[in-house]
Amino acid sequence: MSLILSEKLNAFAELYGFLPGKGKNDHRWDGGLTYEVNENLQLDISTGIGLSKVSPDFFPSLGLSIRMP
């Protein structure tokens, strides 16, 4: 789920998980912001919580996405 806040700023929330072949499933919920520096560079920051016993209780995240022209 995402929401456009301005021309360069977006908010998002997502539910996702890891389903290993062996071991326990890891389900998480997070939300954050993305900022488009230019058409080839995006920054993001998010935070989230774990929803299963093997998930971390809380986690922060920073990201950098580069589109190769």
Foldseek 3Di string as FASTA:
>chain_A
DKDDPDPFKIKDKDWDWDDDPDDDIWIKIKIWMKGDPDPFKIKIKMKIATDDPVYHGIDIDIDMGGDDD
